[in-house]
Protein backbone atom coordinates (compact mmCIF):
# COMPACT_ATOMS: atom_id res chain seq x y z
CA MET A 1 81.11 22.59 84.05
CA VAL A 2 84.16 23.81 85.95
CA ASP A 3 86.95 25.80 84.33
CA VAL A 4 89.80 26.53 86.72
CA SER A 5 92.21 27.71 84.02
CA GLY A 6 91.13 31.33 84.36
CA ALA A 7 90.19 31.45 80.66
CA ASN A 8 86.77 32.66 79.54
CA THR A 9 84.22 30.04 78.56
CA ASN A 10 81.14 30.80 76.48
CA LEU A 11 78.02 28.91 77.49
CA THR A 12 74.64 28.53 75.90
CA ILE A 13 71.71 27.77 78.19
CA ARG A 14 68.45 26.53 76.70
CA MET A 15 65.15 26.16 78.51
CA ASP A 16 62.15 24.59 76.78
CA VAL A 17 59.32 26.26 78.68
CA ARG A 18 56.74 24.55 76.45
CA THR A 19 57.19 21.35 78.49
CA TRP A 20 56.81 22.80 81.98
CA PHE A 21 53.05 22.35 82.29
CA ARG A 22 52.63 19.20 80.18
CA VAL A 23 52.09 15.60 81.26
CA GLY A 24 54.95 13.46 79.98
CA GLY A 25 53.87 10.94 77.37
CA THR A 26 50.42 12.36 76.66
CA GLY A 27 51.24 16.05 76.35
CA ALA A 28 48.08 16.94 78.26
CA LEU A 29 48.13 20.34 79.93
CA ILE A 30 48.68 20.67 83.69
CA ASP A 31 46.67 23.35 85.48
CA PRO A 32 49.34 25.67 86.95
CA ALA A 33 47.31 26.01 90.16
CA SER A 34 47.72 22.25 90.71
CA ALA A 35 51.52 22.72 90.66
CA ASN A 36 51.66 25.04 93.67
CA VAL A 37 53.47 23.88 96.81
CA GLY A 38 51.66 20.90 98.30
CA GLN A 39 49.44 20.38 95.27
CA PRO A 40 49.31 17.11 93.28
CA ASN A 41 51.37 18.28 90.29
CA GLU A 42 54.07 20.14 92.21
CA GLY A 43 56.64 17.37 91.68
CA ALA A 44 55.76 16.79 88.03
CA VAL A 45 56.22 20.46 87.11
CA ARG A 46 59.43 20.69 89.15
CA GLU A 47 60.87 17.70 87.25
CA ASN A 48 59.68 19.11 83.91
CA ILE A 49 61.52 22.36 84.64
CA LYS A 50 64.71 20.52 85.64
CA ASN A 51 64.55 18.36 82.52
CA SER A 52 63.98 21.37 80.25
CA ILE A 53 67.33 23.01 81.06
CA GLU A 54 70.36 22.30 78.90
CA ALA A 55 73.73 24.08 79.16
CA PHE A 56 76.82 23.51 77.06
CA GLU A 57 80.09 25.09 75.95
CA ASP A 58 79.58 27.25 72.88
CA ASP A 59 82.82 29.04 72.05
CA ASP A 60 81.74 29.92 68.52
CA ARG A 61 78.41 31.29 69.82
CA ASP A 62 76.31 29.54 67.20
CA GLY A 63 73.83 27.98 69.64
CA ASP A 64 75.15 24.46 69.05
CA GLN A 65 77.40 22.47 71.34
CA ASP A 66 81.07 22.66 70.35
């Protein structure tokens, strides 16, 4: 989101950390050691983290998108 008007913008950022070390579809746990650099689940955990982040304008600060 880009606001070049100079006005303040309130944002809410949510991160669902429960999904970071889970296999999509099955929900099976991923061993965190297997997500280290060069390990087999590195990419899966990276994508899970990216997909868990949500940001949106929240001018009334109620935690819901305006």
